[in-house]
Protein backbone atom coordinates (compact mmCIF):
# COMPACT_ATOMS: atom_id res chain seq x y z
CA UNK A 1 -7.48 10.02 11.61
CA UNK A 2 -3.97 8.77 12.21
CA UNK A 3 -2.27 9.43 15.53
CA UNK A 4 1.02 8.02 16.79
CA UNK A 5 0.35 6.09 19.99
CA UNK A 6 2.79 5.60 22.86
CA UNK A 7 3.48 1.89 23.52
CA UNK A 8 2.45 2.00 27.20
CA UNK A 9 -0.73 3.89 26.42
CA UNK A 10 -1.55 1.51 23.57
CA UNK A 11 -0.95 -1.53 25.76
CA UNK A 12 -3.33 -0.26 28.47
CA UNK A 13 -6.07 0.75 26.00
CA UNK A 14 -5.86 -2.45 23.95
CA UNK A 15 -6.69 -4.56 27.01
CA UNK A 16 -10.38 -3.69 26.60
CA UNK A 17 -10.32 -3.23 22.82
CA UNK A 18 -10.69 -6.95 22.04
CA UNK A 19 -13.60 -7.20 24.48
CA UNK A 20 -15.22 -4.15 22.83
CA UNK A 21 -14.93 -5.71 19.34
CA UNK A 22 -16.37 -8.99 20.56
CA UNK A 23 -19.29 -7.26 22.30
CA UNK A 24 -20.09 -5.13 19.24
CA UNK A 25 -20.10 -8.17 16.96
CA UNK A 26 -22.32 -10.05 19.40
CA UNK A 27 -24.82 -7.16 19.24
CA UNK A 28 -24.94 -7.09 15.46
CA UNK A 29 -22.89 -9.21 13.10
CA UNK A 30 -23.54 -6.69 10.30
CA UNK A 31 -20.73 -4.65 11.89
CA UNK A 32 -18.11 -7.19 10.81
CA UNK A 33 -16.92 -5.06 7.86
CA UNK A 34 -16.18 -2.14 10.24
CA UNK A 35 -14.18 -4.37 12.57
CA UNK A 36 -12.16 -5.95 9.78
CA UNK A 37 -10.48 -2.56 9.30
CA UNK A 38 -8.39 -2.15 12.45
CA UNK A 39 -8.17 1.66 12.15
CA UNK A 40 -11.94 2.13 11.87
CA UNK A 41 -12.52 -0.24 14.78
CA UNK A 42 -9.97 1.59 16.93
CA UNK A 43 -11.53 5.00 16.13
CA UNK A 44 -14.96 3.67 17.01
CA UNK A 45 -13.61 2.27 20.27
CA UNK A 46 -11.96 5.57 21.23
CA UNK A 47 -15.01 7.62 20.27
CA UNK A 48 -17.18 5.33 22.41
CA UNK A 49 -14.92 6.09 25.37
CA UNK A 50 -14.95 9.83 24.75
CA UNK A 51 -18.68 10.03 23.98
CA UNK A 52 -19.64 9.33 27.59
CA UNK A 53 -17.89 11.67 30.06
CA UNK A 54 -18.11 9.21 32.96
CA UNK A 55 -16.51 6.46 30.90
CA UNK A 56 -13.74 8.81 29.75
CA UNK A 57 -13.01 9.94 33.33
CA UNK A 58 -12.83 6.32 34.52
CA UNK A 59 -10.55 5.39 31.61
CA UNK A 60 -8.23 8.36 32.23
CA UNK A 61 -8.04 7.61 35.99
CA UNK A 62 -7.19 3.98 35.24
CA UNK A 63 -4.46 5.04 32.79
CA UNK A 64 -2.96 7.44 35.34
CA UNK A 65 -3.11 4.70 37.99
CA UNK A 66 -1.17 2.42 35.62
CA UNK A 67 1.64 4.98 35.29
CA UNK A 68 0.80 6.76 32.02
CA UNK A 69 1.66 10.47 32.14
CA UNK A 70 -1.20 12.99 32.24
CA UNK A 71 0.33 14.99 29.40
CA UNK A 72 0.45 11.96 27.12
CA UNK A 73 -3.15 11.04 27.97
CA UNK A 74 -4.39 14.60 27.41
CA UNK A 75 -2.60 14.93 24.09
CA UNK A 76 -4.07 11.68 22.84
CA UNK A 77 -7.65 12.15 24.05
CA UNK A 78 -7.73 15.77 22.83
CA UNK A 79 -7.93 14.57 19.21
CA UNK A 80 -10.95 12.38 19.88
CA UNK A 81 -12.68 15.04 21.96
CA UNK A 82 -12.18 17.45 19.08
CA UNK A 83 -13.70 14.89 16.67
CA UNK A 84 -16.67 14.42 19.03
CA UNK A 85 -17.21 18.19 19.08
CA UNK A 86 -17.09 18.35 15.28
CA UNK A 87 -19.57 15.48 14.97
CA UNK A 88 -22.03 16.95 17.47
CA UNK A 89 -21.89 20.46 16.01
CA UNK A 90 -21.49 19.36 12.37
CA UNK A 91 -18.47 21.58 11.80
CA UNK A 92 -16.12 20.16 9.17
CA UNK A 93 -13.35 21.48 6.99
CA UNK A 94 -13.53 20.93 3.23
CA UNK A 95 -10.67 18.48 3.49
CA UNK A 96 -12.54 16.42 6.11
CA UNK A 97 -15.72 16.52 4.03
CA UNK A 98 -13.84 14.94 1.14
CA UNK A 99 -11.70 12.59 3.22
CA UNK A 100 -14.57 11.18 5.29
CA UNK A 101 -17.19 11.37 2.50
CA UNK A 102 -19.48 13.57 4.58
CA UNK A 103 -22.74 14.52 2.91
CA UNK A 104 -23.21 18.29 2.59
CA UNK A 105 -26.56 17.98 4.36
CA UNK A 106 -24.61 16.87 7.44
CA UNK A 107 -22.51 20.07 7.50
CA UNK A 108 -23.82 23.09 9.38
CA UNK A 109 -20.64 25.10 9.21
CA UNK A 110 -17.22 24.75 7.68
CA UNK A 111 -14.09 25.31 9.72
CA UNK A 112 -12.09 26.36 6.67
CA UNK A 113 -11.50 30.04 6.22
CA UNK A 114 -10.40 31.37 2.89
CA UNK A 115 -8.39 34.50 2.26
CA UNK A 116 -7.66 36.09 -1.06
CA UNK A 117 -4.51 38.12 -1.40
């Protein structure tokens, strides 16, 4: 999942990112291969924020307090909230199934609709 990130928003979120990586590696060093890939590590970090509503609310309030616009925050977090919803309800498109190597047993419903003309 690739999303363009505003510099101010990135700066504020990355403050805790290094601490998150360090804490996760302290818990289990087997995670080192995940954290070597910066994109995977960032997605895991953002999903960990979104997964707990209290944590997400605190993070959003802190970002607003630091001068980041609500629209920018909402647009960015919307993508991760959508991914959380898809993970919880096991709803994936065929493209996502292939792209993320999702096992068909982990798919309850597909979000792809097909139409024949």
